[in-house]
Amino acid sequence: MTITGREIVERLIRVEEGQKRLEQRIQDVETQSEPRITELREFLLWGVTFARIFALVGVVIWDRRTALAPAVQRVEMALREHAGIGRGAEEGGMAMKGATYWEALQEVRESPC
């Protein structure tokens, strides 16, 4: 059984046509998947952006609580020490200690946190 030149040419033509169809299918798949990949990439970037924003807000809230804790403790201590605000001078209240109370509040206000 011998193969003639014509049969070889016909087979080569069929192989080339098959390759062209495969190349077209590959291009179609790439064309269809490109918008999906772009959409997925954008979705991930937005997710990362929002995650960073929420993390930053969390750190800011945590930092504020940590920074304000000593100041709150000082104010509470000053208020406990001077609990007699409503009493008069004869009872040992704030009428007698007014200057000391305001000095303590100014000290708390001026001290760095």
N, C-alpha and C. Protein backbone atom coordinates (compact mmCIF):
# COMPACT_ATOMS: atom_id res chain seq x y z
N MET A 1 0.82 -1.16 0.00
CA MET A 1 0.00 0.00 0.00
C MET A 1 0.88 1.24 0.00
N THR A 2 0.78 1.95 -1.03
CA THR A 2 1.58 3.16 -1.17
C THR A 2 0.69 4.38 -1.08
N ILE A 3 1.27 5.42 -0.54
CA ILE A 3 0.54 6.68 -0.41
C ILE A 3 1.03 7.59 -1.52
N THR A 4 0.07 8.12 -2.23
CA THR A 4 0.42 9.00 -3.34
C THR A 4 0.62 10.41 -2.81
N GLY A 5 1.17 11.22 -3.66
CA GLY A 5 1.42 12.61 -3.30
C GLY A 5 0.13 13.37 -3.03
N ARG A 6 -0.92 12.99 -3.78
CA ARG A 6 -2.21 13.66 -3.61
C ARG A 6 -2.80 13.36 -2.23
N GLU A 7 -2.73 12.14 -1.78
CA GLU A 7 -3.24 11.75 -0.46
C GLU A 7 -2.47 12.49 0.65
N ILE A 8 -1.19 12.62 0.46
CA ILE A 8 -0.37 13.33 1.44
C ILE A 8 -0.81 14.78 1.53
N VAL A 9 -1.04 15.40 0.37
CA VAL A 9 -1.47 16.79 0.34
C VAL A 9 -2.83 16.93 1.00
N GLU A 10 -3.77 16.01 0.72
CA GLU A 10 -5.10 16.07 1.33
C GLU A 10 -5.01 15.94 2.86
N ARG A 11 -4.20 15.03 3.32
CA ARG A 11 -4.04 14.85 4.77
C ARG A 11 -3.41 16.08 5.41
N LEU A 12 -2.43 16.66 4.75
CA LEU A 12 -1.81 17.88 5.27
C LEU A 12 -2.83 19.01 5.35
N ILE A 13 -3.68 19.10 4.33
CA ILE A 13 -4.72 20.14 4.33
C ILE A 13 -5.66 19.92 5.52
N ARG A 14 -6.08 18.66 5.77
CA ARG A 14 -6.96 18.38 6.91
C ARG A 14 -6.28 18.69 8.24
N VAL A 15 -5.02 18.38 8.34
CA VAL A 15 -4.28 18.68 9.58
C VAL A 15 -4.20 20.19 9.79
N GLU A 16 -3.92 20.93 8.73
CA GLU A 16 -3.84 22.39 8.84
C GLU A 16 -5.20 22.99 9.21
N GLU A 17 -6.27 22.46 8.64
CA GLU A 17 -7.61 22.95 8.99
C GLU A 17 -7.92 22.65 10.46
N GLY A 18 -7.53 21.48 10.91
CA GLY A 18 -7.74 21.13 12.33
C GLY A 18 -6.96 22.06 13.25
N GLN A 19 -5.75 22.40 12.86
CA GLN A 19 -4.95 23.33 13.66
C GLN A 19 -5.59 24.70 13.69
N LYS A 20 -6.13 25.15 12.55
CA LYS A 20 -6.80 26.45 12.51
C LYS A 20 -8.02 26.46 13.43
N ARG A 21 -8.81 25.37 13.41
CA ARG A 21 -9.98 25.29 14.30
C ARG A 21 -9.55 25.31 15.76
N LEU A 22 -8.49 24.59 16.09
CA LEU A 22 -7.99 24.58 17.47
C LEU A 22 -7.52 25.96 17.90
N GLU A 23 -6.79 26.64 17.02
CA GLU A 23 -6.33 27.99 17.33
C GLU A 23 -7.51 28.93 17.54
N GLN A 24 -8.56 28.79 16.72
CA GLN A 24 -9.75 29.63 16.87
C GLN A 24 -10.46 29.35 18.20
N ARG A 25 -10.55 28.09 18.58
CA ARG A 25 -11.18 27.73 19.86
C ARG A 25 -10.39 28.29 21.03
N ILE A 26 -9.08 28.22 20.93
CA ILE A 26 -8.23 28.76 22.00
C ILE A 26 -8.42 30.27 22.11
N GLN A 27 -8.48 30.95 20.99
CA GLN A 27 -8.71 32.40 21.00
C GLN A 27 -10.09 32.74 21.57
N ASP A 28 -11.10 31.94 21.23
CA ASP A 28 -12.44 32.17 21.78
C ASP A 28 -12.46 32.00 23.30
N VAL A 29 -11.78 30.98 23.79
CA VAL A 29 -11.72 30.76 25.24
C VAL A 29 -11.00 31.93 25.92
N GLU A 30 -9.91 32.39 25.35
CA GLU A 30 -9.19 33.53 25.91
C GLU A 30 -10.07 34.78 25.91
N THR A 31 -10.80 34.99 24.82
CA THR A 31 -11.68 36.16 24.72
C THR A 31 -12.79 36.09 25.77
N GLN A 32 -13.33 34.92 26.01
CA GLN A 32 -14.39 34.77 27.00
C GLN A 32 -13.87 34.87 28.43
N SER A 33 -12.69 34.38 28.68
CA SER A 33 -12.18 34.36 30.06
C SER A 33 -11.53 35.68 30.47
N GLU A 34 -11.12 36.49 29.53
CA GLU A 34 -10.45 37.75 29.87
C GLU A 34 -11.33 38.69 30.70
N PRO A 35 -12.60 38.93 30.32
CA PRO A 35 -13.43 39.80 31.17
C PRO A 35 -13.67 39.21 32.56
N ARG A 36 -13.79 37.91 32.63
CA ARG A 36 -13.99 37.26 33.94
C ARG A 36 -12.77 37.46 34.83
N ILE A 37 -11.61 37.31 34.27
CA ILE A 37 -10.38 37.49 35.05
C ILE A 37 -10.26 38.94 35.50
N THR A 38 -10.58 39.87 34.61
CA THR A 38 -10.54 41.29 34.96
C THR A 38 -11.52 41.60 36.09
N GLU A 39 -12.73 41.05 35.99
CA GLU A 39 -13.74 41.26 37.02
C GLU A 39 -13.29 40.67 38.36
N LEU A 40 -12.71 39.49 38.33
CA LEU A 40 -12.22 38.86 39.55
C LEU A 40 -11.09 39.68 40.17
N ARG A 41 -10.20 40.18 39.35
CA ARG A 41 -9.10 41.01 39.83
C ARG A 41 -9.62 42.27 40.52
N GLU A 42 -10.60 42.93 39.90
CA GLU A 42 -11.19 44.13 40.49
C GLU A 42 -11.87 43.81 41.82
N PHE A 43 -12.58 42.69 41.86
CA PHE A 43 -13.26 42.28 43.09
C PHE A 43 -12.25 42.05 44.22
N LEU A 44 -11.16 41.39 43.91
CA LEU A 44 -10.13 41.15 44.92
C LEU A 44 -9.48 42.44 45.38
N LEU A 45 -9.23 43.36 44.47
CA LEU A 45 -8.63 44.63 44.85
C LEU A 45 -9.56 45.42 45.76
N TRP A 46 -10.86 45.44 45.46
CA TRP A 46 -11.81 46.12 46.35
C TRP A 46 -11.86 45.44 47.72
N GLY A 47 -11.81 44.11 47.72
CA GLY A 47 -11.81 43.38 48.99
C GLY A 47 -10.60 43.72 49.84
N VAL A 48 -9.45 43.76 49.21
CA VAL A 48 -8.22 44.12 49.94
C VAL A 48 -8.30 45.56 50.44
N THR A 49 -8.83 46.45 49.62
CA THR A 49 -8.95 47.85 50.03
C THR A 49 -9.85 47.99 51.25
N PHE A 50 -11.02 47.36 51.22
CA PHE A 50 -11.93 47.45 52.36
C PHE A 50 -11.34 46.77 53.60
N ALA A 51 -10.63 45.67 53.42
CA ALA A 51 -10.00 45.01 54.56
C ALA A 51 -8.97 45.93 55.21
N ARG A 52 -8.20 46.63 54.41
CA ARG A 52 -7.22 47.57 54.96
C ARG A 52 -7.89 48.73 55.67
N ILE A 53 -8.99 49.23 55.12
CA ILE A 53 -9.71 50.33 55.76
C ILE A 53 -10.24 49.89 57.12
N PHE A 54 -10.87 48.71 57.18
CA PHE A 54 -11.40 48.22 58.44
C PHE A 54 -10.28 47.96 59.45
N ALA A 55 -9.16 47.45 58.99
CA ALA A 55 -8.02 47.24 59.89
C ALA A 55 -7.52 48.57 60.44
N LEU A 56 -7.44 49.58 59.59
CA LEU A 56 -6.99 50.90 60.03
C LEU A 56 -7.95 51.49 61.07
N VAL A 57 -9.25 51.37 60.82
CA VAL A 57 -10.24 51.87 61.78
C VAL A 57 -10.09 51.13 63.11
N GLY A 58 -9.90 49.83 63.05
CA GLY A 58 -9.70 49.05 64.27
C GLY A 58 -8.48 49.49 65.05
N VAL A 59 -7.39 49.72 64.36
CA VAL A 59 -6.16 50.17 65.03
C VAL A 59 -6.36 51.55 65.64
N VAL A 60 -7.05 52.44 64.93
CA VAL A 60 -7.29 53.79 65.46
C VAL A 60 -8.13 53.72 66.73
N ILE A 61 -9.20 52.92 66.70
CA ILE A 61 -10.05 52.79 67.89
C ILE A 61 -9.25 52.19 69.04
N TRP A 62 -8.48 51.15 68.78
CA TRP A 62 -7.69 50.53 69.84
C TRP A 62 -6.67 51.53 70.40
N ASP A 63 -6.03 52.30 69.52
CA ASP A 63 -5.02 53.26 69.96
C ASP A 63 -5.65 54.36 70.81
N ARG A 64 -6.82 54.83 70.42
CA ARG A 64 -7.49 55.89 71.19
C ARG A 64 -7.85 55.39 72.58
N ARG A 65 -8.35 54.18 72.66
CA ARG A 65 -8.69 53.64 73.98
C ARG A 65 -7.44 53.50 74.84
N THR A 66 -6.37 53.04 74.24
CA THR A 66 -5.12 52.86 74.98
C THR A 66 -4.56 54.21 75.42
N ALA A 67 -4.64 55.20 74.54
CA ALA A 67 -4.07 56.52 74.85
C ALA A 67 -4.93 57.27 75.87
N LEU A 68 -6.23 57.08 75.83
CA LEU A 68 -7.11 57.82 76.74
C LEU A 68 -7.23 57.18 78.12
N ALA A 69 -6.87 55.93 78.27
CA ALA A 69 -7.04 55.24 79.55
C ALA A 69 -6.32 55.96 80.70
N PRO A 70 -5.06 56.37 80.57
CA PRO A 70 -4.40 57.07 81.69
C PRO A 70 -5.08 58.40 82.03
N ALA A 71 -5.54 59.13 81.02
CA ALA A 71 -6.21 60.41 81.28
C ALA A 71 -7.52 60.19 82.01
N VAL A 72 -8.27 59.19 81.61
CA VAL A 72 -9.54 58.89 82.28
C VAL A 72 -9.28 58.48 83.72
N GLN A 73 -8.25 57.71 83.96
CA GLN A 73 -7.91 57.31 85.33
C GLN A 73 -7.55 58.52 86.18
N ARG A 74 -6.80 59.45 85.61
CA ARG A 74 -6.42 60.65 86.37
C ARG A 74 -7.65 61.49 86.73
N VAL A 75 -8.56 61.65 85.79
CA VAL A 75 -9.76 62.44 86.06
C VAL A 75 -10.61 61.75 87.12
N GLU A 76 -10.78 60.45 87.01
CA GLU A 76 -11.56 59.72 88.01
C GLU A 76 -10.91 59.84 89.39
N MET A 77 -9.60 59.77 89.44
CA MET A 77 -8.90 59.89 90.72
C MET A 77 -9.10 61.29 91.29
N ALA A 78 -9.01 62.31 90.44
CA ALA A 78 -9.21 63.68 90.91
C ALA A 78 -10.63 63.88 91.41
N LEU A 79 -11.60 63.30 90.74
CA LEU A 79 -12.99 63.43 91.18
C LEU A 79 -13.23 62.68 92.48
N ARG A 80 -12.59 61.53 92.67
CA ARG A 80 -12.74 60.80 93.93
C ARG A 80 -12.12 61.56 95.09
N GLU A 81 -10.97 62.17 94.82
CA GLU A 81 -10.30 62.93 95.88
C GLU A 81 -11.12 64.13 96.31
N HIS A 82 -11.82 64.70 95.38
CA HIS A 82 -12.60 65.90 95.67
C HIS A 82 -14.09 65.60 95.54
N ALA A 83 -14.54 64.57 96.22
CA ALA A 83 -15.94 64.15 96.13
C ALA A 83 -16.88 65.11 96.84
N GLY A 84 -16.39 65.97 97.69
CA GLY A 84 -17.24 66.87 98.44
C GLY A 84 -17.50 68.17 97.73
N ILE A 85 -17.78 68.17 96.45
CA ILE A 85 -18.00 69.40 95.68
C ILE A 85 -19.19 70.18 96.21
N GLY A 86 -20.29 69.51 96.59
CA GLY A 86 -21.51 70.20 96.99
C GLY A 86 -21.50 70.68 98.43
N ARG A 87 -20.56 70.28 99.24
CA ARG A 87 -20.55 70.67 100.65
C ARG A 87 -19.91 72.03 100.82
N GLY A 88 -20.27 72.68 101.86
CA GLY A 88 -19.73 74.01 102.14
C GLY A 88 -18.38 73.95 102.82
N ALA A 89 -17.81 75.13 103.11
CA ALA A 89 -16.48 75.23 103.72
C ALA A 89 -16.48 74.65 105.12
N GLU A 90 -17.59 74.81 105.86
CA GLU A 90 -17.62 74.30 107.23
C GLU A 90 -17.62 72.78 107.27
N GLU A 91 -18.04 72.13 106.16
CA GLU A 91 -18.06 70.67 106.12
C GLU A 91 -16.80 70.12 105.46
N GLY A 92 -15.88 70.98 105.08
CA GLY A 92 -14.64 70.52 104.45
C GLY A 92 -14.81 70.21 102.98
N GLY A 93 -15.77 70.86 102.31
CA GLY A 93 -16.06 70.58 100.91
C GLY A 93 -15.19 71.40 99.97
N MET A 94 -15.65 71.53 98.73
CA MET A 94 -14.86 72.18 97.69
C MET A 94 -14.83 73.70 97.82
N ALA A 95 -15.72 74.27 98.60
CA ALA A 95 -15.65 75.72 98.77
C ALA A 95 -14.31 76.11 99.34
N MET A 96 -13.73 75.22 100.11
CA MET A 96 -12.45 75.48 100.74
C MET A 96 -11.29 75.06 99.83
N LYS A 97 -11.52 74.01 99.01
CA LYS A 97 -10.44 73.43 98.21
C LYS A 97 -10.58 73.78 96.73
N GLY A 98 -11.30 74.82 96.39
CA GLY A 98 -11.57 75.16 94.99
C GLY A 98 -10.32 75.35 94.16
N ALA A 99 -9.34 76.03 94.68
CA ALA A 99 -8.11 76.28 93.92
C ALA A 99 -7.38 74.97 93.64
N THR A 100 -7.33 74.09 94.60
CA THR A 100 -6.65 72.81 94.42
C THR A 100 -7.35 71.97 93.35
N TYR A 101 -8.66 71.99 93.35
CA TYR A 101 -9.44 71.23 92.38
C TYR A 101 -9.15 71.72 90.96
N TRP A 102 -9.18 73.03 90.75
CA TRP A 102 -8.93 73.58 89.42
C TRP A 102 -7.48 73.34 88.99
N GLU A 103 -6.56 73.38 89.92
CA GLU A 103 -5.17 73.09 89.59
C GLU A 103 -5.03 71.65 89.12
N ALA A 104 -5.72 70.72 89.80
CA ALA A 104 -5.65 69.31 89.40
C ALA A 104 -6.24 69.11 88.01
N LEU A 105 -7.36 69.75 87.73
CA LEU A 105 -7.97 69.62 86.40
C LEU A 105 -7.08 70.22 85.31
N GLN A 106 -6.45 71.35 85.60
CA GLN A 106 -5.55 71.95 84.61
C GLN A 106 -4.34 71.06 84.38
N GLU A 107 -3.85 70.44 85.43
CA GLU A 107 -2.70 69.54 85.28
C GLU A 107 -3.06 68.35 84.39
N VAL A 108 -4.25 67.78 84.59
CA VAL A 108 -4.69 66.67 83.75
C VAL A 108 -4.87 67.13 82.31
N ARG A 109 -5.40 68.32 82.13
CA ARG A 109 -5.66 68.85 80.80
C ARG A 109 -4.36 69.14 80.04
N GLU A 110 -3.35 69.61 80.73
CA GLU A 110 -2.09 70.00 80.08
C GLU A 110 -1.13 68.84 79.90
N SER A 111 -1.32 67.76 80.63
CA SER A 111 -0.36 66.65 80.54
C SER A 111 -0.55 65.90 79.23
N PRO A 112 0.56 65.51 78.58
CA PRO A 112 0.46 64.75 77.32
C PRO A 112 0.00 63.33 77.60
N CYS A 113 -0.79 62.81 76.68
CA CYS A 113 -1.33 61.45 76.84
C CYS A 113 -0.44 60.45 76.17
